């Protein structure tokens, strides 16, 4: 069953409701994407859909220079982690598992690997051993007081 609204064209490998669902996680993280079946490292999770924009929004993911795919339905809900369980290939718009993912886990990606600048930088509380403490995008300057 399709997750995306009818206003978006159907694309190959888009996420399906039997595999993922968007849930309210908590007040700090907002909504996230819960995995409903297991995936193995290297496996395709889904291909993101959306509207191409030349500006950043809260739910866009950068797919090229000044190209941001706005997906407020699924991909824009994948949470950040400095030690993520998936990654986005911007050229194909496909999410791939970087490790085995069990049912019930939330999908996470490292925003600093795909975004030049985030819509809104934030102090990271992902809990990873190598948490950077602040996430702003790969080209953004991190304030000296960030994560202190």
N, C-alpha and C. Protein backbone atom coordinates (compact mmCIF):
# COMPACT_ATOMS: atom_id res chain seq x y z
N UNK A 1 0.84 -1.18 0.00
CA UNK A 1 0.00 0.00 0.00
C UNK A 1 0.89 1.25 0.00
N UNK A 2 0.50 2.22 -0.75
CA UNK A 2 1.29 3.43 -0.97
C UNK A 2 1.22 4.38 0.23
N UNK A 3 2.36 4.99 0.56
CA UNK A 3 2.42 5.99 1.63
C UNK A 3 2.23 7.39 1.06
N UNK A 4 2.83 7.65 -0.10
CA UNK A 4 2.77 8.98 -0.68
C UNK A 4 1.36 9.34 -1.15
N UNK A 5 1.04 10.63 -1.16
CA UNK A 5 -0.29 11.06 -1.62
C UNK A 5 -0.43 10.89 -3.13
N UNK A 6 -1.63 10.87 -3.60
CA UNK A 6 -1.91 10.72 -5.03
C UNK A 6 -1.37 11.87 -5.87
N UNK A 7 -1.11 13.01 -5.23
CA UNK A 7 -0.59 14.17 -5.97
C UNK A 7 0.82 13.94 -6.50
N UNK A 8 1.55 12.96 -5.94
CA UNK A 8 2.89 12.64 -6.42
C UNK A 8 2.82 11.44 -7.35
N UNK A 9 3.62 11.46 -8.42
CA UNK A 9 3.61 10.31 -9.34
C UNK A 9 4.17 9.07 -8.64
N UNK A 10 3.71 7.92 -9.03
CA UNK A 10 4.26 6.66 -8.52
C UNK A 10 5.64 6.46 -9.14
N UNK A 11 6.62 6.10 -8.31
CA UNK A 11 7.98 5.84 -8.79
C UNK A 11 8.40 4.44 -8.35
N UNK A 12 9.33 3.82 -9.06
CA UNK A 12 9.82 2.50 -8.65
C UNK A 12 10.49 2.57 -7.28
N UNK A 13 10.28 1.55 -6.48
CA UNK A 13 10.94 1.37 -5.17
C UNK A 13 10.54 2.40 -4.12
N UNK A 14 9.41 3.08 -4.30
CA UNK A 14 9.00 4.03 -3.26
C UNK A 14 8.57 3.25 -2.02
N UNK A 15 8.61 3.87 -0.83
CA UNK A 15 8.28 3.16 0.40
C UNK A 15 6.81 2.72 0.42
N UNK A 16 6.58 1.58 1.05
CA UNK A 16 5.23 1.03 1.14
C UNK A 16 4.80 0.94 2.60
N UNK A 17 3.52 1.07 2.85
CA UNK A 17 2.97 1.09 4.21
C UNK A 17 3.20 -0.23 4.95
N UNK A 18 3.39 -1.32 4.24
CA UNK A 18 3.66 -2.59 4.94
C UNK A 18 5.11 -2.70 5.41
N UNK A 19 5.97 -1.78 4.94
CA UNK A 19 7.38 -1.80 5.31
C UNK A 19 7.80 -0.69 6.28
N UNK A 20 7.10 0.44 6.23
CA UNK A 20 7.45 1.61 7.03
C UNK A 20 6.20 2.34 7.50
N UNK A 21 6.35 3.03 8.62
CA UNK A 21 5.30 3.95 9.03
C UNK A 21 5.93 5.14 9.74
N UNK A 22 5.31 6.29 9.58
CA UNK A 22 5.75 7.51 10.25
C UNK A 22 5.06 7.57 11.60
N UNK A 23 5.86 7.77 12.65
CA UNK A 23 5.31 7.81 14.01
C UNK A 23 5.79 9.07 14.73
N UNK A 24 5.06 9.47 15.77
CA UNK A 24 5.51 10.53 16.67
C UNK A 24 6.51 9.90 17.62
N UNK A 25 7.74 10.42 17.64
CA UNK A 25 8.80 9.84 18.45
C UNK A 25 8.83 10.47 19.83
N UNK A 26 9.09 11.77 19.89
CA UNK A 26 9.09 12.51 21.15
C UNK A 26 9.08 14.00 20.84
N UNK A 27 9.01 14.82 21.88
CA UNK A 27 8.94 16.28 21.68
C UNK A 27 10.22 16.84 21.07
N UNK A 28 11.36 16.22 21.35
CA UNK A 28 12.64 16.72 20.83
C UNK A 28 12.84 16.36 19.35
N UNK A 29 12.57 15.11 18.99
CA UNK A 29 12.84 14.65 17.63
C UNK A 29 11.65 14.77 16.69
N UNK A 30 10.47 14.90 17.22
CA UNK A 30 9.29 15.00 16.36
C UNK A 30 8.91 13.65 15.79
N UNK A 31 8.68 13.59 14.49
CA UNK A 31 8.28 12.35 13.85
C UNK A 31 9.49 11.63 13.26
N UNK A 32 9.35 10.31 13.15
CA UNK A 32 10.40 9.49 12.56
C UNK A 32 9.78 8.36 11.76
N UNK A 33 10.62 7.64 11.04
CA UNK A 33 10.18 6.53 10.20
C UNK A 33 10.55 5.22 10.89
N UNK A 34 9.53 4.46 11.25
CA UNK A 34 9.72 3.16 11.90
C UNK A 34 9.75 2.06 10.84
N UNK A 35 10.70 1.13 11.02
CA UNK A 35 10.83 -0.01 10.12
C UNK A 35 9.91 -1.12 10.61
N UNK A 36 9.13 -1.70 9.70
CA UNK A 36 8.16 -2.74 10.07
C UNK A 36 8.63 -4.16 9.73
N UNK A 37 9.71 -4.27 8.96
CA UNK A 37 10.30 -5.59 8.66
C UNK A 37 11.81 -5.43 8.65
N UNK A 38 12.53 -6.53 8.76
CA UNK A 38 13.98 -6.48 8.82
C UNK A 38 14.62 -6.21 7.46
N UNK A 39 15.76 -5.55 7.50
CA UNK A 39 16.58 -5.29 6.31
C UNK A 39 18.01 -5.68 6.63
N UNK A 40 18.75 -6.13 5.63
CA UNK A 40 20.16 -6.49 5.80
C UNK A 40 21.05 -5.37 5.26
N UNK A 41 22.25 -5.29 5.78
CA UNK A 41 23.22 -4.29 5.34
C UNK A 41 23.36 -4.34 3.82
N UNK A 42 23.33 -3.16 3.18
CA UNK A 42 23.44 -3.04 1.73
C UNK A 42 22.12 -3.12 0.99
N UNK A 43 21.06 -3.52 1.67
CA UNK A 43 19.75 -3.68 1.03
C UNK A 43 19.09 -2.33 0.76
N UNK A 44 18.40 -2.24 -0.36
CA UNK A 44 17.62 -1.05 -0.69
C UNK A 44 16.44 -0.95 0.27
N UNK A 45 16.30 0.21 0.89
CA UNK A 45 15.14 0.46 1.75
C UNK A 45 14.00 1.04 0.93
N UNK A 46 14.26 2.16 0.26
CA UNK A 46 13.26 2.78 -0.60
C UNK A 46 13.89 3.88 -1.43
N UNK A 47 13.16 4.35 -2.41
CA UNK A 47 13.55 5.51 -3.20
C UNK A 47 12.61 6.65 -2.82
N UNK A 48 13.19 7.80 -2.52
CA UNK A 48 12.38 8.94 -2.09
C UNK A 48 11.69 9.62 -3.26
N UNK A 49 10.57 10.20 -2.96
CA UNK A 49 9.75 10.93 -3.92
C UNK A 49 9.62 12.34 -3.38
N UNK A 50 9.06 13.24 -4.14
CA UNK A 50 8.84 14.59 -3.65
C UNK A 50 8.87 15.62 -4.76
N UNK A 51 8.94 16.87 -4.35
CA UNK A 51 8.94 18.00 -5.27
C UNK A 51 10.32 18.65 -5.25
N UNK A 52 10.93 18.80 -6.41
CA UNK A 52 12.25 19.41 -6.50
C UNK A 52 12.16 20.91 -6.29
N UNK A 53 13.02 21.44 -5.41
CA UNK A 53 13.05 22.86 -5.10
C UNK A 53 14.48 23.38 -5.21
N UNK A 54 14.61 24.71 -5.34
CA UNK A 54 15.95 25.30 -5.37
C UNK A 54 16.29 25.96 -4.04
N UNK A 55 15.58 25.58 -3.00
CA UNK A 55 15.82 26.09 -1.65
C UNK A 55 15.57 24.99 -0.63
N UNK A 56 16.10 25.20 0.57
CA UNK A 56 16.01 24.23 1.66
C UNK A 56 14.74 24.48 2.47
N UNK A 57 14.08 23.39 2.86
CA UNK A 57 12.98 23.45 3.83
C UNK A 57 13.30 22.43 4.93
N UNK A 58 12.45 22.36 5.91
CA UNK A 58 12.65 21.40 7.00
C UNK A 58 12.64 19.96 6.48
N UNK A 59 11.93 19.69 5.40
CA UNK A 59 11.76 18.31 4.92
C UNK A 59 12.46 18.02 3.60
N UNK A 60 13.35 18.92 3.16
CA UNK A 60 14.09 18.65 1.92
C UNK A 60 15.36 17.87 2.23
N UNK A 61 15.81 17.16 1.21
CA UNK A 61 17.11 16.50 1.24
C UNK A 61 17.83 16.93 -0.03
N UNK A 62 19.08 17.31 0.13
CA UNK A 62 19.85 17.84 -0.99
C UNK A 62 20.23 16.69 -1.93
N UNK A 63 19.87 16.86 -3.20
CA UNK A 63 20.19 15.84 -4.21
C UNK A 63 21.17 16.36 -5.26
N UNK A 64 21.55 17.62 -5.15
CA UNK A 64 22.51 18.24 -6.06
C UNK A 64 22.72 19.68 -5.65
N UNK A 65 23.65 20.37 -6.31
CA UNK A 65 23.86 21.78 -6.00
C UNK A 65 22.57 22.58 -6.24
N UNK A 66 22.11 23.27 -5.24
CA UNK A 66 20.86 24.04 -5.30
C UNK A 66 19.67 23.20 -5.73
N UNK A 67 19.71 21.90 -5.45
CA UNK A 67 18.59 21.00 -5.74
C UNK A 67 18.22 20.27 -4.46
N UNK A 68 16.99 20.47 -4.04
CA UNK A 68 16.51 19.89 -2.79
C UNK A 68 15.17 19.22 -3.05
N UNK A 69 15.08 17.93 -2.74
CA UNK A 69 13.84 17.20 -2.94
C UNK A 69 13.02 17.30 -1.67
N UNK A 70 11.86 17.91 -1.78
CA UNK A 70 10.97 18.14 -0.64
C UNK A 70 10.06 16.94 -0.47
N UNK A 71 10.25 16.20 0.62
CA UNK A 71 9.47 15.00 0.92
C UNK A 71 9.01 15.06 2.38
N UNK A 72 7.91 15.76 2.65
CA UNK A 72 7.41 15.85 4.02
C UNK A 72 6.64 14.61 4.48
N UNK A 73 6.62 13.58 3.64
CA UNK A 73 5.82 12.39 3.94
C UNK A 73 6.64 11.25 4.52
N UNK A 74 7.84 11.00 3.98
CA UNK A 74 8.65 9.87 4.44
C UNK A 74 10.12 10.29 4.61
N UNK A 75 10.83 10.51 3.52
CA UNK A 75 12.28 10.77 3.60
C UNK A 75 12.60 11.97 4.48
N UNK A 76 11.77 12.98 4.46
CA UNK A 76 11.98 14.15 5.30
C UNK A 76 11.76 13.88 6.78
N UNK A 77 11.30 12.67 7.11
CA UNK A 77 11.07 12.27 8.50
C UNK A 77 12.16 11.33 9.02
N UNK A 78 13.12 10.95 8.16
CA UNK A 78 14.22 10.10 8.61
C UNK A 78 15.07 10.93 9.56
N UNK A 79 15.30 10.43 10.74
CA UNK A 79 15.99 11.17 11.79
C UNK A 79 17.51 11.14 11.61
N UNK A 80 18.18 12.08 12.27
CA UNK A 80 19.65 12.14 12.23
C UNK A 80 20.26 11.24 13.28
N UNK A 81 21.42 10.67 12.95
CA UNK A 81 22.31 10.03 13.91
C UNK A 81 23.73 10.18 13.38
N UNK A 82 24.67 10.39 14.28
CA UNK A 82 26.09 10.44 13.89
C UNK A 82 26.60 9.02 13.60
N UNK A 83 25.82 8.00 13.95
CA UNK A 83 26.12 6.60 13.65
C UNK A 83 24.83 5.99 13.06
N UNK A 84 24.50 6.35 11.82
CA UNK A 84 23.20 6.00 11.24
C UNK A 84 23.07 4.54 10.81
N UNK A 85 21.81 4.11 10.62
CA UNK A 85 21.56 2.76 10.11
C UNK A 85 21.28 2.75 8.61
N UNK A 86 21.18 3.94 7.99
CA UNK A 86 20.99 4.00 6.53
C UNK A 86 21.67 5.24 5.98
N UNK A 87 21.74 5.27 4.65
CA UNK A 87 22.31 6.44 3.98
C UNK A 87 21.52 6.71 2.72
N UNK A 88 21.56 7.95 2.28
CA UNK A 88 20.91 8.36 1.05
C UNK A 88 21.97 8.51 -0.03
N UNK A 89 21.70 7.90 -1.19
CA UNK A 89 22.51 8.15 -2.38
C UNK A 89 21.79 9.26 -3.13
N UNK A 90 22.28 10.50 -3.05
CA UNK A 90 21.55 11.62 -3.66
C UNK A 90 21.37 11.48 -5.17
N UNK A 91 22.29 10.83 -5.85
CA UNK A 91 22.19 10.73 -7.31
C UNK A 91 21.05 9.81 -7.75
N UNK A 92 20.72 8.81 -6.94
CA UNK A 92 19.63 7.88 -7.29
C UNK A 92 18.39 8.08 -6.43
N UNK A 93 18.55 8.87 -5.35
CA UNK A 93 17.48 9.13 -4.38
C UNK A 93 17.05 7.86 -3.64
N UNK A 94 17.99 6.93 -3.52
CA UNK A 94 17.71 5.67 -2.84
C UNK A 94 18.34 5.66 -1.46
N UNK A 95 17.58 5.13 -0.52
CA UNK A 95 18.08 4.89 0.84
C UNK A 95 18.54 3.45 0.92
N UNK A 96 19.74 3.24 1.47
CA UNK A 96 20.32 1.92 1.61
C UNK A 96 20.66 1.67 3.07
N UNK A 97 20.48 0.43 3.53
CA UNK A 97 20.84 0.06 4.89
C UNK A 97 22.36 -0.03 4.98
N UNK A 98 22.97 0.61 5.98
CA UNK A 98 24.42 0.51 6.17
C UNK A 98 24.77 -0.58 7.18
N UNK A 99 23.76 -1.08 7.85
CA UNK A 99 23.92 -2.22 8.76
C UNK A 99 22.57 -2.93 8.80
N UNK A 100 22.52 -4.09 9.42
CA UNK A 100 21.23 -4.78 9.56
C UNK A 100 20.30 -3.90 10.39
N UNK A 101 19.04 -3.85 9.97
CA UNK A 101 18.03 -3.05 10.67
C UNK A 101 16.88 -3.98 11.05
N UNK A 102 16.51 -3.95 12.32
CA UNK A 102 15.47 -4.84 12.83
C UNK A 102 14.11 -4.13 12.85
N UNK A 103 13.02 -4.91 12.76
CA UNK A 103 11.69 -4.30 12.87
C UNK A 103 11.57 -3.51 14.18
N UNK A 104 10.93 -2.36 14.12
CA UNK A 104 10.76 -1.50 15.30
C UNK A 104 11.80 -0.40 15.41
N UNK A 105 12.91 -0.52 14.68
CA UNK A 105 13.92 0.54 14.72
C UNK A 105 13.45 1.75 13.93
N UNK A 106 13.97 2.91 14.30
CA UNK A 106 13.75 4.13 13.55
C UNK A 106 14.87 4.28 12.52
N UNK A 107 14.52 4.70 11.31
CA UNK A 107 15.54 4.97 10.30
C UNK A 107 16.30 6.22 10.69
N UNK A 108 17.64 6.15 10.56
CA UNK A 108 18.49 7.31 10.84
C UNK A 108 19.52 7.45 9.72
N UNK A 109 19.88 8.69 9.46
CA UNK A 109 20.92 9.01 8.49
C UNK A 109 21.76 10.15 9.07
N UNK A 110 22.94 10.36 8.52
CA UNK A 110 23.80 11.45 8.97
C UNK A 110 23.54 12.65 8.06
N UNK A 111 22.85 13.65 8.57
CA UNK A 111 22.50 14.82 7.77
C UNK A 111 23.72 15.55 7.22
N UNK A 112 24.84 15.50 7.95
CA UNK A 112 26.04 16.20 7.49
C UNK A 112 26.67 15.56 6.26
N UNK A 113 26.25 14.36 5.89
CA UNK A 113 26.80 13.69 4.71
C UNK A 113 26.09 14.10 3.43
N UNK A 114 24.88 14.63 3.52
CA UNK A 114 24.14 14.99 2.31
C UNK A 114 23.85 16.48 2.19
N UNK A 115 23.75 17.17 3.29
CA UNK A 115 23.31 18.57 3.27
C UNK A 115 24.49 19.53 3.38
N UNK A 116 24.53 20.53 2.48
CA UNK A 116 25.54 21.59 2.63
C UNK A 116 25.22 22.42 3.86
N UNK A 117 23.95 22.82 3.98
CA UNK A 117 23.47 23.61 5.13
C UNK A 117 22.08 23.10 5.49
N UNK A 118 21.85 22.93 6.78
CA UNK A 118 20.53 22.50 7.23
C UNK A 118 19.56 23.67 7.28
N UNK A 119 18.30 23.37 7.18
CA UNK A 119 17.24 24.36 7.35
C UNK A 119 17.37 24.98 8.74
N UNK A 120 17.66 24.12 9.73
CA UNK A 120 17.84 24.58 11.10
C UNK A 120 18.89 23.69 11.77
N UNK A 121 20.04 24.27 12.11
CA UNK A 121 21.08 23.54 12.81
C UNK A 121 20.59 23.18 14.21
N UNK A 122 21.18 22.13 14.81
CA UNK A 122 20.72 21.71 16.13
C UNK A 122 21.83 21.01 16.91
N UNK A 123 21.68 21.03 18.24
CA UNK A 123 22.57 20.27 19.10
C UNK A 123 22.13 18.82 19.02
N UNK A 124 23.08 17.95 18.72
CA UNK A 124 22.77 16.53 18.54
C UNK A 124 22.76 15.82 19.88
N UNK A 125 21.77 14.97 20.03
CA UNK A 125 21.65 14.12 21.22
C UNK A 125 21.43 12.67 20.79
N UNK A 126 22.10 12.27 19.72
CA UNK A 126 21.85 10.94 19.15
C UNK A 126 22.37 9.81 20.04
N UNK A 127 23.33 10.09 20.90
CA UNK A 127 23.85 9.06 21.80
C UNK A 127 24.95 8.19 21.21
N UNK A 128 25.36 8.46 19.98
CA UNK A 128 26.43 7.68 19.36
C UNK A 128 27.75 7.91 20.08
N UNK A 129 28.61 6.90 20.11
CA UNK A 129 29.92 7.03 20.75
C UNK A 129 30.71 8.20 20.18
N UNK A 130 30.59 8.43 18.88
CA UNK A 130 31.32 9.51 18.22
C UNK A 130 30.39 10.64 17.80
N UNK A 131 29.42 10.94 18.63
CA UNK A 131 28.48 12.03 18.34
C UNK A 131 29.26 13.34 18.23
N UNK A 132 28.98 14.09 17.18
CA UNK A 132 29.67 15.37 16.95
C UNK A 132 29.11 16.48 17.84
N UNK A 133 27.94 16.31 18.39
CA UNK A 133 27.38 17.29 19.31
C UNK A 133 26.62 18.43 18.67
N UNK A 134 26.85 18.68 17.38
CA UNK A 134 26.16 19.77 16.69
C UNK A 134 26.08 19.40 15.22
N UNK A 135 24.92 19.60 14.64
CA UNK A 135 24.69 19.24 13.24
C UNK A 135 24.17 20.47 12.51
N UNK A 136 24.87 20.88 11.46
CA UNK A 136 24.50 22.10 10.73
C UNK A 136 24.61 21.94 9.22
N UNK A 137 25.23 20.85 8.75
CA UNK A 137 25.51 20.66 7.33
C UNK A 137 27.00 20.62 7.12
N UNK A 138 27.42 19.96 6.05
CA UNK A 138 28.85 19.74 5.85
C UNK A 138 29.66 21.00 5.57
N UNK A 139 29.04 22.08 5.09
CA UNK A 139 29.77 23.32 4.81
C UNK A 139 29.56 24.40 5.87
N UNK A 140 28.69 24.13 6.81
CA UNK A 140 28.36 25.14 7.84
C UNK A 140 29.47 25.24 8.89
N UNK A 141 29.65 26.43 9.38
CA UNK A 141 30.58 26.65 10.49
C UNK A 141 29.86 26.32 11.78
N UNK A 142 30.52 25.53 12.61
CA UNK A 142 29.95 25.14 13.91
C UNK A 142 30.37 26.19 14.94
N UNK A 143 29.39 26.79 15.65
CA UNK A 143 29.73 27.79 16.67
C UNK A 143 30.65 27.20 17.73
N UNK A 144 31.57 28.00 18.24
CA UNK A 144 32.52 27.56 19.25
C UNK A 144 31.83 27.05 20.50
N UNK A 145 30.63 27.55 20.78
CA UNK A 145 29.89 27.15 21.98
C UNK A 145 28.99 25.95 21.73
N UNK A 146 28.93 25.43 20.51
CA UNK A 146 28.05 24.31 20.18
C UNK A 146 28.45 23.06 20.93
N UNK A 147 27.47 22.37 21.47
CA UNK A 147 27.70 21.11 22.15
C UNK A 147 28.35 21.25 23.51
N UNK A 148 28.51 22.50 24.00
CA UNK A 148 29.16 22.72 25.31
C UNK A 148 28.13 22.60 26.40
